[in-house]
Amino acid sequence: MKILAELAEQAILEAQRRGEFDGLQGQGRPLPDESDPFMPETLRMAYKLLKNAGYVPEEIQAQREIRSLIECLEQETDELRKMRQIQKVQLFLARAKIRHGGLLQEENEAYFRKVVARTTLNRDKSS
């Protein structure tokens, strides 16, 4: 890992010497404040550290997994695998509702229902 960091640092320094970073948008100005204005000031640093360390809250990770499963469902052509994928998505949606009280799940559920309807419609047409 140390070798990769050193190689990256060398590449950055070389690009800097060549002037590749000159004239970039926002040059010379402070970075934008990305902190949540509704977050209590006492918690901002802790959340920033977690974010920088790559921590992703459970509900966001669940949201990503559900979207990924739905995308896979849209691409699937085998009927048996489609049904299994539909069951997986239903399971993940149910778990997310239980854990997070349905937070941000309504949009996924509505989209999932449309995908399932389209999938079954395509199956009925091909039969």
N, C-alpha and C. Protein backbone atom coordinates (compact mmCIF):
# COMPACT_ATOMS: atom_id res chain seq x y z
N MET A 1 0.82 -1.19 0.00
CA MET A 1 0.00 0.00 0.00
C MET A 1 0.87 1.25 0.00
N LYS A 2 1.96 1.22 0.71
CA LYS A 2 2.82 2.39 0.79
C LYS A 2 3.39 2.72 -0.58
N ILE A 3 3.69 1.69 -1.36
CA ILE A 3 4.25 1.90 -2.70
C ILE A 3 3.22 2.60 -3.58
N LEU A 4 1.96 2.18 -3.49
CA LEU A 4 0.90 2.81 -4.28
C LEU A 4 0.73 4.28 -3.91
N ALA A 5 0.78 4.57 -2.63
CA ALA A 5 0.65 5.96 -2.18
C ALA A 5 1.80 6.81 -2.70
N GLU A 6 3.01 6.25 -2.68
CA GLU A 6 4.17 6.98 -3.18
C GLU A 6 4.08 7.21 -4.69
N LEU A 7 3.63 6.18 -5.43
CA LEU A 7 3.45 6.33 -6.88
C LEU A 7 2.41 7.39 -7.20
N ALA A 8 1.32 7.37 -6.46
CA ALA A 8 0.27 8.36 -6.67
C ALA A 8 0.79 9.76 -6.37
N GLU A 9 1.53 9.90 -5.29
CA GLU A 9 2.10 11.20 -4.91
C GLU A 9 3.05 11.70 -5.99
N GLN A 10 3.88 10.82 -6.55
CA GLN A 10 4.81 11.20 -7.62
C GLN A 10 4.03 11.66 -8.85
N ALA A 11 3.00 10.93 -9.22
CA ALA A 11 2.20 11.29 -10.39
C ALA A 11 1.54 12.65 -10.19
N ILE A 12 1.07 12.93 -8.99
CA ILE A 12 0.45 14.22 -8.69
C ILE A 12 1.47 15.34 -8.79
N LEU A 13 2.65 15.13 -8.22
CA LEU A 13 3.70 16.15 -8.28
C LEU A 13 4.14 16.43 -9.71
N GLU A 14 4.26 15.39 -10.53
CA GLU A 14 4.64 15.57 -11.93
C GLU A 14 3.57 16.35 -12.68
N ALA A 15 2.32 16.03 -12.46
CA ALA A 15 1.22 16.75 -13.11
C ALA A 15 1.19 18.20 -12.66
N GLN A 16 1.51 18.43 -11.40
CA GLN A 16 1.56 19.78 -10.85
C GLN A 16 2.68 20.57 -11.52
N ARG A 17 3.85 19.95 -11.70
CA ARG A 17 4.98 20.61 -12.37
C ARG A 17 4.65 20.96 -13.83
N ARG A 18 3.87 20.10 -14.48
CA ARG A 18 3.49 20.35 -15.88
C ARG A 18 2.38 21.39 -15.98
N GLY A 19 1.79 21.79 -14.85
CA GLY A 19 0.76 22.81 -14.84
C GLY A 19 -0.63 22.30 -15.13
N GLU A 20 -0.84 21.01 -14.97
CA GLU A 20 -2.15 20.43 -15.27
C GLU A 20 -3.25 20.85 -14.29
N PHE A 21 -2.85 21.37 -13.15
CA PHE A 21 -3.84 21.81 -12.17
C PHE A 21 -4.10 23.31 -12.23
N ASP A 22 -3.41 24.02 -13.11
CA ASP A 22 -3.56 25.46 -13.23
C ASP A 22 -4.88 25.79 -13.91
N GLY A 23 -5.55 26.80 -13.43
CA GLY A 23 -6.78 27.28 -14.04
C GLY A 23 -8.00 26.43 -13.79
N LEU A 24 -7.95 25.56 -12.82
CA LEU A 24 -9.13 24.74 -12.51
C LEU A 24 -10.21 25.59 -11.87
N GLN A 25 -11.45 25.20 -12.09
CA GLN A 25 -12.57 25.93 -11.51
C GLN A 25 -12.45 25.92 -9.99
N GLY A 26 -12.60 27.06 -9.38
CA GLY A 26 -12.54 27.17 -7.93
C GLY A 26 -11.14 27.32 -7.37
N GLN A 27 -10.14 27.43 -8.24
CA GLN A 27 -8.75 27.56 -7.78
C GLN A 27 -8.59 28.82 -6.93
N GLY A 28 -7.94 28.65 -5.80
CA GLY A 28 -7.68 29.78 -4.90
C GLY A 28 -8.82 30.08 -3.95
N ARG A 29 -9.93 29.37 -4.08
CA ARG A 29 -11.06 29.58 -3.18
C ARG A 29 -11.15 28.42 -2.20
N PRO A 30 -11.73 28.66 -1.02
CA PRO A 30 -11.88 27.55 -0.06
C PRO A 30 -12.84 26.49 -0.59
N LEU A 31 -12.64 25.28 -0.12
CA LEU A 31 -13.53 24.19 -0.51
C LEU A 31 -14.93 24.46 0.03
N PRO A 32 -15.96 24.03 -0.69
CA PRO A 32 -17.33 24.27 -0.21
C PRO A 32 -17.59 23.50 1.09
N ASP A 33 -18.40 24.10 1.93
CA ASP A 33 -18.77 23.46 3.19
C ASP A 33 -19.79 22.39 2.90
N GLU A 34 -19.43 21.13 3.12
CA GLU A 34 -20.32 20.01 2.83
C GLU A 34 -21.05 19.50 4.07
N SER A 35 -20.90 20.19 5.17
CA SER A 35 -21.55 19.71 6.39
C SER A 35 -23.05 19.98 6.32
N ASP A 36 -23.79 19.14 6.97
CA ASP A 36 -25.24 19.25 7.01
C ASP A 36 -25.61 20.38 7.97
N PRO A 37 -26.32 21.42 7.50
CA PRO A 37 -26.64 22.54 8.39
C PRO A 37 -27.59 22.15 9.53
N PHE A 38 -28.29 21.02 9.37
CA PHE A 38 -29.23 20.59 10.41
C PHE A 38 -28.57 19.66 11.43
N MET A 39 -27.32 19.30 11.17
CA MET A 39 -26.57 18.43 12.08
C MET A 39 -26.08 19.27 13.26
N PRO A 40 -26.28 18.80 14.47
CA PRO A 40 -25.75 19.55 15.62
C PRO A 40 -24.24 19.71 15.49
N GLU A 41 -23.75 20.88 15.80
CA GLU A 41 -22.33 21.19 15.64
C GLU A 41 -21.45 20.20 16.40
N THR A 42 -21.93 19.68 17.51
CA THR A 42 -21.14 18.74 18.30
C THR A 42 -20.93 17.40 17.59
N LEU A 43 -21.80 17.06 16.62
CA LEU A 43 -21.70 15.78 15.91
C LEU A 43 -21.03 15.90 14.54
N ARG A 44 -20.85 17.10 14.03
CA ARG A 44 -20.34 17.28 12.67
C ARG A 44 -18.99 16.61 12.45
N MET A 45 -18.07 16.81 13.36
CA MET A 45 -16.73 16.24 13.19
C MET A 45 -16.78 14.72 13.20
N ALA A 46 -17.57 14.16 14.08
CA ALA A 46 -17.68 12.69 14.15
C ALA A 46 -18.22 12.13 12.84
N TYR A 47 -19.27 12.76 12.30
CA TYR A 47 -19.84 12.28 11.05
C TYR A 47 -18.88 12.48 9.88
N LYS A 48 -18.13 13.56 9.91
CA LYS A 48 -17.15 13.79 8.85
C LYS A 48 -16.06 12.71 8.88
N LEU A 49 -15.62 12.36 10.07
CA LEU A 49 -14.62 11.29 10.21
C LEU A 49 -15.17 9.96 9.69
N LEU A 50 -16.40 9.64 10.06
CA LEU A 50 -17.01 8.40 9.57
C LEU A 50 -17.13 8.40 8.05
N LYS A 51 -17.55 9.52 7.49
CA LYS A 51 -17.68 9.63 6.03
C LYS A 51 -16.33 9.46 5.35
N ASN A 52 -15.31 10.12 5.87
CA ASN A 52 -13.97 10.03 5.28
C ASN A 52 -13.39 8.63 5.42
N ALA A 53 -13.82 7.89 6.43
CA ALA A 53 -13.32 6.53 6.64
C ALA A 53 -14.07 5.51 5.78
N GLY A 54 -15.08 6.00 5.03
CA GLY A 54 -15.80 5.10 4.14
C GLY A 54 -17.02 4.46 4.76
N TYR A 55 -17.40 4.89 5.95
CA TYR A 55 -18.59 4.33 6.60
C TYR A 55 -19.83 4.77 5.84
N VAL A 56 -20.70 3.83 5.58
CA VAL A 56 -21.97 4.13 4.93
C VAL A 56 -23.08 3.68 5.88
N PRO A 57 -24.01 4.58 6.21
CA PRO A 57 -25.11 4.19 7.10
C PRO A 57 -25.89 3.01 6.53
N GLU A 58 -26.43 2.20 7.43
CA GLU A 58 -27.15 0.98 7.04
C GLU A 58 -28.26 1.24 6.04
N GLU A 59 -29.04 2.31 6.28
CA GLU A 59 -30.18 2.56 5.39
C GLU A 59 -29.73 2.93 3.97
N ILE A 60 -28.60 3.61 3.86
CA ILE A 60 -28.07 3.96 2.54
C ILE A 60 -27.55 2.70 1.85
N GLN A 61 -26.86 1.84 2.60
CA GLN A 61 -26.36 0.59 2.03
C GLN A 61 -27.52 -0.30 1.58
N ALA A 62 -28.57 -0.35 2.37
CA ALA A 62 -29.75 -1.15 2.00
C ALA A 62 -30.37 -0.59 0.73
N GLN A 63 -30.44 0.73 0.64
CA GLN A 63 -30.99 1.39 -0.55
C GLN A 63 -30.18 1.01 -1.79
N ARG A 64 -28.86 1.03 -1.68
CA ARG A 64 -27.99 0.67 -2.81
C ARG A 64 -28.19 -0.79 -3.22
N GLU A 65 -28.30 -1.68 -2.24
CA GLU A 65 -28.49 -3.10 -2.54
C GLU A 65 -29.82 -3.34 -3.26
N ILE A 66 -30.86 -2.66 -2.81
CA ILE A 66 -32.17 -2.81 -3.44
C ILE A 66 -32.12 -2.32 -4.89
N ARG A 67 -31.52 -1.17 -5.10
CA ARG A 67 -31.42 -0.65 -6.47
C ARG A 67 -30.61 -1.58 -7.36
N SER A 68 -29.54 -2.13 -6.81
CA SER A 68 -28.71 -3.06 -7.57
C SER A 68 -29.51 -4.31 -7.96
N LEU A 69 -30.27 -4.84 -7.01
CA LEU A 69 -31.10 -6.01 -7.29
C LEU A 69 -32.14 -5.71 -8.37
N ILE A 70 -32.74 -4.52 -8.31
CA ILE A 70 -33.73 -4.15 -9.30
C ILE A 70 -33.09 -4.01 -10.68
N GLU A 71 -31.90 -3.44 -10.73
CA GLU A 71 -31.19 -3.33 -12.01
C GLU A 71 -30.89 -4.71 -12.58
N CYS A 72 -30.47 -5.64 -11.73
CA CYS A 72 -30.21 -7.01 -12.19
C CYS A 72 -31.49 -7.65 -12.70
N LEU A 73 -32.60 -7.39 -12.03
CA LEU A 73 -33.89 -7.94 -12.45
C LEU A 73 -34.25 -7.46 -13.85
N GLU A 74 -34.01 -6.17 -14.11
CA GLU A 74 -34.33 -5.61 -15.43
C GLU A 74 -33.54 -6.28 -16.54
N GLN A 75 -32.31 -6.72 -16.24
CA GLN A 75 -31.44 -7.31 -17.25
C GLN A 75 -31.65 -8.81 -17.44
N GLU A 76 -32.28 -9.44 -16.47
CA GLU A 76 -32.42 -10.90 -16.49
C GLU A 76 -33.37 -11.36 -17.59
N THR A 77 -33.00 -12.44 -18.27
CA THR A 77 -33.85 -12.98 -19.33
C THR A 77 -34.45 -14.34 -18.96
N ASP A 78 -33.79 -15.07 -18.07
CA ASP A 78 -34.28 -16.39 -17.66
C ASP A 78 -35.44 -16.22 -16.67
N GLU A 79 -36.57 -16.85 -16.95
CA GLU A 79 -37.78 -16.70 -16.13
C GLU A 79 -37.59 -17.16 -14.69
N LEU A 80 -36.93 -18.29 -14.51
CA LEU A 80 -36.73 -18.81 -13.16
C LEU A 80 -35.87 -17.86 -12.34
N ARG A 81 -34.81 -17.36 -12.96
CA ARG A 81 -33.94 -16.40 -12.26
C ARG A 81 -34.67 -15.09 -11.99
N LYS A 82 -35.55 -14.68 -12.90
CA LYS A 82 -36.34 -13.47 -12.67
C LYS A 82 -37.19 -13.61 -11.41
N MET A 83 -37.83 -14.77 -11.28
CA MET A 83 -38.68 -14.99 -10.11
C MET A 83 -37.86 -14.98 -8.82
N ARG A 84 -36.69 -15.60 -8.87
CA ARG A 84 -35.81 -15.58 -7.69
C ARG A 84 -35.39 -14.15 -7.36
N GLN A 85 -35.07 -13.38 -8.40
CA GLN A 85 -34.65 -11.99 -8.19
C GLN A 85 -35.79 -11.17 -7.60
N ILE A 86 -37.00 -11.40 -8.08
CA ILE A 86 -38.17 -10.70 -7.54
C ILE A 86 -38.33 -11.03 -6.05
N GLN A 87 -38.15 -12.30 -5.70
CA GLN A 87 -38.26 -12.69 -4.29
C GLN A 87 -37.17 -12.03 -3.45
N LYS A 88 -35.95 -11.94 -3.99
CA LYS A 88 -34.86 -11.28 -3.27
C LYS A 88 -35.19 -9.81 -3.01
N VAL A 89 -35.69 -9.13 -4.04
CA VAL A 89 -36.02 -7.72 -3.89
C VAL A 89 -37.12 -7.55 -2.84
N GLN A 90 -38.14 -8.41 -2.89
CA GLN A 90 -39.21 -8.34 -1.90
C GLN A 90 -38.66 -8.53 -0.48
N LEU A 91 -37.74 -9.47 -0.34
CA LEU A 91 -37.13 -9.72 0.97
C LEU A 91 -36.35 -8.50 1.46
N PHE A 92 -35.54 -7.93 0.58
CA PHE A 92 -34.76 -6.75 0.96
C PHE A 92 -35.67 -5.57 1.31
N LEU A 93 -36.74 -5.38 0.54
CA LEU A 93 -37.67 -4.30 0.85
C LEU A 93 -38.34 -4.52 2.21
N ALA A 94 -38.73 -5.75 2.48
CA ALA A 94 -39.37 -6.06 3.77
C ALA A 94 -38.40 -5.81 4.93
N ARG A 95 -37.15 -6.26 4.75
CA ARG A 95 -36.14 -6.03 5.81
C ARG A 95 -35.91 -4.54 6.03
N ALA A 96 -35.81 -3.80 4.94
CA ALA A 96 -35.57 -2.36 5.06
C ALA A 96 -36.73 -1.67 5.77
N LYS A 97 -37.95 -2.10 5.47
CA LYS A 97 -39.11 -1.50 6.14
C LYS A 97 -39.09 -1.78 7.63
N ILE A 98 -38.71 -3.01 7.98
CA ILE A 98 -38.67 -3.38 9.40
C ILE A 98 -37.58 -2.59 10.12
N ARG A 99 -36.40 -2.55 9.53
CA ARG A 99 -35.25 -1.89 10.18
C ARG A 99 -35.38 -0.38 10.22
N HIS A 100 -35.83 0.21 9.13
CA HIS A 100 -35.76 1.65 9.00
C HIS A 100 -37.12 2.33 8.88
N GLY A 101 -38.15 1.59 9.19
CA GLY A 101 -39.48 2.18 9.17
C GLY A 101 -39.93 2.66 7.80
N GLY A 102 -39.41 2.02 6.75
CA GLY A 102 -39.82 2.40 5.40
C GLY A 102 -39.12 3.63 4.87
N LEU A 103 -38.08 4.10 5.56
CA LEU A 103 -37.35 5.28 5.15
C LEU A 103 -36.83 5.13 3.73
N LEU A 104 -37.25 5.99 2.85
CA LEU A 104 -36.82 6.03 1.45
C LEU A 104 -37.17 4.77 0.66
N GLN A 105 -38.00 3.91 1.20
CA GLN A 105 -38.30 2.66 0.50
C GLN A 105 -39.50 2.78 -0.43
N GLU A 106 -40.35 3.76 -0.21
CA GLU A 106 -41.57 3.88 -1.01
C GLU A 106 -41.24 4.04 -2.48
N GLU A 107 -40.24 4.86 -2.79
CA GLU A 107 -39.88 5.05 -4.20
C GLU A 107 -39.33 3.76 -4.80
N ASN A 108 -38.54 3.02 -4.03
CA ASN A 108 -38.02 1.74 -4.52
C ASN A 108 -39.16 0.76 -4.75
N GLU A 109 -40.08 0.72 -3.83
CA GLU A 109 -41.17 -0.24 -3.92
C GLU A 109 -42.04 0.04 -5.15
N ALA A 110 -42.34 1.31 -5.38
CA ALA A 110 -43.15 1.67 -6.55
C ALA A 110 -42.41 1.30 -7.83
N TYR A 111 -41.13 1.60 -7.89
CA TYR A 111 -40.33 1.27 -9.06
C TYR A 111 -40.25 -0.24 -9.25
N PHE A 112 -40.06 -0.95 -8.15
CA PHE A 112 -39.98 -2.42 -8.20
C PHE A 112 -41.28 -3.00 -8.75
N ARG A 113 -42.40 -2.49 -8.31
CA ARG A 113 -43.70 -2.99 -8.80
C ARG A 113 -43.83 -2.77 -10.31
N LYS A 114 -43.34 -1.62 -10.80
CA LYS A 114 -43.38 -1.36 -12.24
C LYS A 114 -42.51 -2.35 -13.01
N VAL A 115 -41.32 -2.62 -12.46
CA VAL A 115 -40.41 -3.57 -13.11
C VAL A 115 -41.05 -4.96 -13.15
N VAL A 116 -41.64 -5.38 -12.04
CA VAL A 116 -42.28 -6.70 -11.99
C VAL A 116 -43.43 -6.75 -12.98
N ALA A 117 -44.23 -5.69 -13.04
CA ALA A 117 -45.37 -5.67 -13.97
C ALA A 117 -44.87 -5.77 -15.41
N ARG A 118 -43.81 -5.03 -15.73
CA ARG A 118 -43.28 -5.07 -17.08
C ARG A 118 -42.68 -6.43 -17.39
N THR A 119 -42.01 -7.02 -16.39
CA THR A 119 -41.41 -8.33 -16.57
C THR A 119 -42.46 -9.39 -16.83
N THR A 120 -43.53 -9.38 -16.05
CA THR A 120 -44.59 -10.38 -16.25
C THR A 120 -45.35 -10.11 -17.54
N LEU A 121 -45.50 -8.84 -17.94
CA LEU A 121 -46.15 -8.49 -19.19
C LEU A 121 -45.35 -9.04 -20.37
N ASN A 122 -44.01 -8.87 -20.31
CA ASN A 122 -43.14 -9.41 -21.37
C ASN A 122 -43.23 -10.93 -21.44
N ARG A 123 -43.32 -11.58 -20.29
CA ARG A 123 -43.41 -13.03 -20.24
C ARG A 123 -44.72 -13.48 -20.88
N ASP A 124 -45.82 -12.76 -20.56
CA ASP A 124 -47.13 -13.14 -21.11
C ASP A 124 -47.17 -12.97 -22.62
N LYS A 125 -46.50 -11.95 -23.14
CA LYS A 125 -46.47 -11.71 -24.57
C LYS A 125 -45.70 -12.80 -25.31
N SER A 126 -44.62 -13.28 -24.67
CA SER A 126 -43.78 -14.29 -25.32
C SER A 126 -44.39 -15.70 -25.25
N SER A 127 -45.39 -15.88 -24.40
CA SER A 127 -46.00 -17.22 -24.25
C SER A 127 -46.95 -17.54 -25.37
